[in-house]
Every structure is written in structure tokens, then in C-alpha cells.
N, C-alpha and C. Protein backbone atom coordinates (compact mmCIF):
# COMPACT_ATOMS: atom_id res chain seq x y z
N MET A 1 254.56 148.31 74.00
CA MET A 1 254.93 147.54 75.18
C MET A 1 254.09 148.01 76.37
N GLU A 2 253.63 147.07 77.17
CA GLU A 2 252.82 147.40 78.33
C GLU A 2 253.70 147.94 79.45
N SER A 3 253.15 148.87 80.21
CA SER A 3 253.89 149.38 81.36
C SER A 3 253.79 148.38 82.50
N ALA A 4 254.66 148.50 83.47
CA ALA A 4 254.69 147.57 84.60
C ALA A 4 253.41 147.66 85.43
N SER A 5 252.73 148.82 85.42
CA SER A 5 251.52 148.97 86.23
C SER A 5 250.27 148.44 85.53
N THR A 6 250.35 148.12 84.21
CA THR A 6 249.20 147.62 83.49
C THR A 6 249.13 146.10 83.62
N PRO A 7 248.10 145.60 84.32
CA PRO A 7 248.01 144.14 84.47
C PRO A 7 247.68 143.49 83.14
N SER A 8 248.23 142.32 82.89
CA SER A 8 247.90 141.59 81.67
C SER A 8 246.90 140.50 82.03
N PHE A 9 245.91 140.34 81.20
CA PHE A 9 244.88 139.34 81.42
C PHE A 9 244.95 138.33 80.29
N ARG A 10 244.61 137.10 80.60
CA ARG A 10 244.59 136.03 79.61
C ARG A 10 243.20 135.39 79.60
N CYS A 11 242.76 135.04 78.40
CA CYS A 11 241.49 134.36 78.24
C CYS A 11 241.57 133.02 78.98
N PRO A 12 240.58 132.68 79.82
CA PRO A 12 240.63 131.42 80.55
C PRO A 12 240.58 130.18 79.66
N ASN A 13 240.09 130.32 78.43
CA ASN A 13 239.99 129.17 77.53
C ASN A 13 241.22 129.01 76.65
N CYS A 14 241.57 130.03 75.89
CA CYS A 14 242.64 129.88 74.90
C CYS A 14 243.94 130.56 75.31
N LYS A 15 243.93 131.31 76.39
CA LYS A 15 245.11 131.98 76.96
C LYS A 15 245.63 133.15 76.12
N LYS A 16 244.84 133.65 75.17
CA LYS A 16 245.23 134.84 74.41
C LYS A 16 245.15 136.05 75.33
N ALA A 17 245.97 137.06 75.04
CA ALA A 17 245.93 138.30 75.81
C ALA A 17 244.58 138.99 75.59
N VAL A 18 244.04 139.55 76.67
CA VAL A 18 242.74 140.21 76.61
C VAL A 18 242.84 141.57 77.28
N SER A 19 242.26 142.56 76.64
CA SER A 19 242.20 143.90 77.22
C SER A 19 241.01 143.98 78.16
N ARG A 20 241.16 144.71 79.24
CA ARG A 20 240.07 144.90 80.18
C ARG A 20 238.90 145.62 79.53
N ASP A 21 239.17 146.34 78.45
CA ASP A 21 238.13 147.09 77.73
C ASP A 21 237.38 146.22 76.72
N SER A 22 237.79 144.97 76.56
CA SER A 22 237.17 144.08 75.59
C SER A 22 235.69 143.87 75.90
N GLU A 23 234.89 143.78 74.87
CA GLU A 23 233.44 143.55 75.02
C GLU A 23 233.16 142.21 75.70
N ASN A 24 234.03 141.23 75.50
CA ASN A 24 233.82 139.89 76.05
C ASN A 24 234.67 139.60 77.28
N PHE A 25 235.28 140.61 77.87
CA PHE A 25 236.16 140.42 79.02
C PHE A 25 235.47 139.57 80.08
N PRO A 26 236.09 138.57 80.64
CA PRO A 26 237.51 138.22 80.60
C PRO A 26 237.90 137.30 79.45
N PHE A 27 236.99 137.06 78.53
CA PHE A 27 237.29 136.19 77.40
C PHE A 27 237.77 137.03 76.22
N CYS A 28 238.47 136.38 75.28
CA CYS A 28 239.02 137.12 74.15
C CYS A 28 237.99 137.33 73.06
N CYS A 29 236.98 136.46 72.99
CA CYS A 29 235.98 136.56 71.93
C CYS A 29 234.68 135.89 72.37
N ASP A 30 233.67 136.07 71.56
CA ASP A 30 232.36 135.51 71.85
C ASP A 30 232.42 133.98 71.90
N ARG A 31 233.21 133.38 71.04
CA ARG A 31 233.34 131.92 71.00
C ARG A 31 233.83 131.37 72.35
N CYS A 32 234.88 131.97 72.90
CA CYS A 32 235.42 131.50 74.18
C CYS A 32 234.42 131.73 75.32
N ARG A 33 233.66 132.81 75.24
CA ARG A 33 232.63 133.08 76.26
C ARG A 33 231.55 132.01 76.23
N ILE A 34 231.11 131.62 75.02
CA ILE A 34 230.07 130.60 74.87
C ILE A 34 230.60 129.22 75.29
N ILE A 35 231.86 128.92 74.99
CA ILE A 35 232.46 127.65 75.43
C ILE A 35 232.41 127.56 76.95
N ASP A 36 232.77 128.64 77.63
CA ASP A 36 232.76 128.65 79.09
C ASP A 36 231.34 128.47 79.63
N LEU A 37 230.38 129.13 79.03
CA LEU A 37 228.98 128.99 79.45
C LEU A 37 228.53 127.54 79.29
N GLY A 38 228.92 126.90 78.19
CA GLY A 38 228.58 125.50 77.96
C GLY A 38 229.17 124.59 79.02
N ARG A 39 230.37 124.90 79.47
CA ARG A 39 231.00 124.09 80.52
C ARG A 39 230.24 124.19 81.83
N TRP A 40 229.72 125.37 82.15
CA TRP A 40 228.90 125.51 83.36
C TRP A 40 227.60 124.73 83.19
N ALA A 41 226.99 124.83 82.00
CA ALA A 41 225.70 124.18 81.76
C ALA A 41 225.78 122.66 81.81
N THR A 42 226.90 122.09 81.39
CA THR A 42 227.04 120.63 81.39
C THR A 42 227.58 120.08 82.70
N GLY A 43 227.90 120.96 83.65
CA GLY A 43 228.37 120.51 84.95
C GLY A 43 229.87 120.28 85.03
N ASP A 44 230.62 120.73 84.01
CA ASP A 44 232.08 120.60 84.08
C ASP A 44 232.66 121.43 85.21
N TYR A 45 232.03 122.56 85.50
CA TYR A 45 232.45 123.41 86.61
C TYR A 45 231.46 123.21 87.75
N ARG A 46 231.98 123.14 88.95
CA ARG A 46 231.11 122.97 90.12
C ARG A 46 231.63 123.82 91.25
N ILE A 47 230.76 124.23 92.11
CA ILE A 47 231.15 124.93 93.32
C ILE A 47 231.23 123.88 94.42
N ALA A 48 232.38 123.84 95.09
CA ALA A 48 232.62 122.81 96.11
C ALA A 48 231.62 122.92 97.26
N GLY A 49 231.27 121.79 97.81
CA GLY A 49 230.37 121.76 98.96
C GLY A 49 229.33 120.68 98.81
N ASP A 50 228.55 120.51 99.85
CA ASP A 50 227.48 119.53 99.83
C ASP A 50 226.35 120.03 98.94
N PRO A 51 225.65 119.14 98.26
CA PRO A 51 224.52 119.55 97.43
C PRO A 51 223.44 120.22 98.30
N ALA A 52 222.80 121.21 97.75
CA ALA A 52 221.73 121.90 98.47
C ALA A 52 220.49 121.01 98.51
N LEU A 53 219.77 121.06 99.60
CA LEU A 53 218.52 120.32 99.73
C LEU A 53 217.40 121.14 99.10
N ILE A 54 216.60 120.48 98.30
CA ILE A 54 215.46 121.15 97.67
C ILE A 54 214.22 120.69 98.41
N PRO A 55 213.51 121.57 99.10
CA PRO A 55 212.40 121.16 99.98
C PRO A 55 211.27 120.43 99.28
N ASP A 56 210.92 120.77 98.06
CA ASP A 56 209.77 120.15 97.39
C ASP A 56 210.20 119.03 96.45
N GLU A 57 211.37 118.45 96.67
CA GLU A 57 211.88 117.39 95.81
C GLU A 57 211.10 116.10 96.08
N PRO A 58 210.60 115.42 95.02
CA PRO A 58 209.87 114.17 95.23
C PRO A 58 210.79 113.06 95.73
N GLU A 59 210.20 112.09 96.44
CA GLU A 59 210.96 110.95 96.98
C GLU A 59 211.65 110.19 95.85
N GLY A 60 212.88 109.76 96.12
CA GLY A 60 213.61 108.95 95.17
C GLY A 60 214.27 109.75 94.07
N TYR A 61 214.11 111.08 94.07
CA TYR A 61 214.72 111.90 93.05
C TYR A 61 216.15 112.25 93.47
N GLY A 62 217.10 112.19 92.55
CA GLY A 62 218.47 112.60 92.82
C GLY A 62 219.26 111.47 93.26
């Protein structure tokens, strides 16, 4: 049983309990870590705000 002072962490993808000492922390396994990376790569996750202006962007792009 965990003590009251030991925080419990959950994998952001599957919600399994994760130890802070885990190699894949904060994920429970390599699979969940790769799933999260894929979500960033496909644009599922975004940082709120206006899009950044790219100075050398060609006309009509975007």
C-alpha cells in the first residue's frame, strides 16, 4: 500500500499507475509514449495562441 506522502501518477493515455522511477515516465510503457508522440506529430495537441509568423514564408503559403 502506498503511503499518503507518495504521489500516485497515471499514464496520460491508458491511465495505468506509473512509478516515477519508470523508464518511460510519465507513460506506463514505450507504446503509450509513442502514441503520445504521434498525437503531437499529427497536430492533435496544440499550444493555444496565434500562429507564429515565419519571415521567409512564400506568398500564398498557409
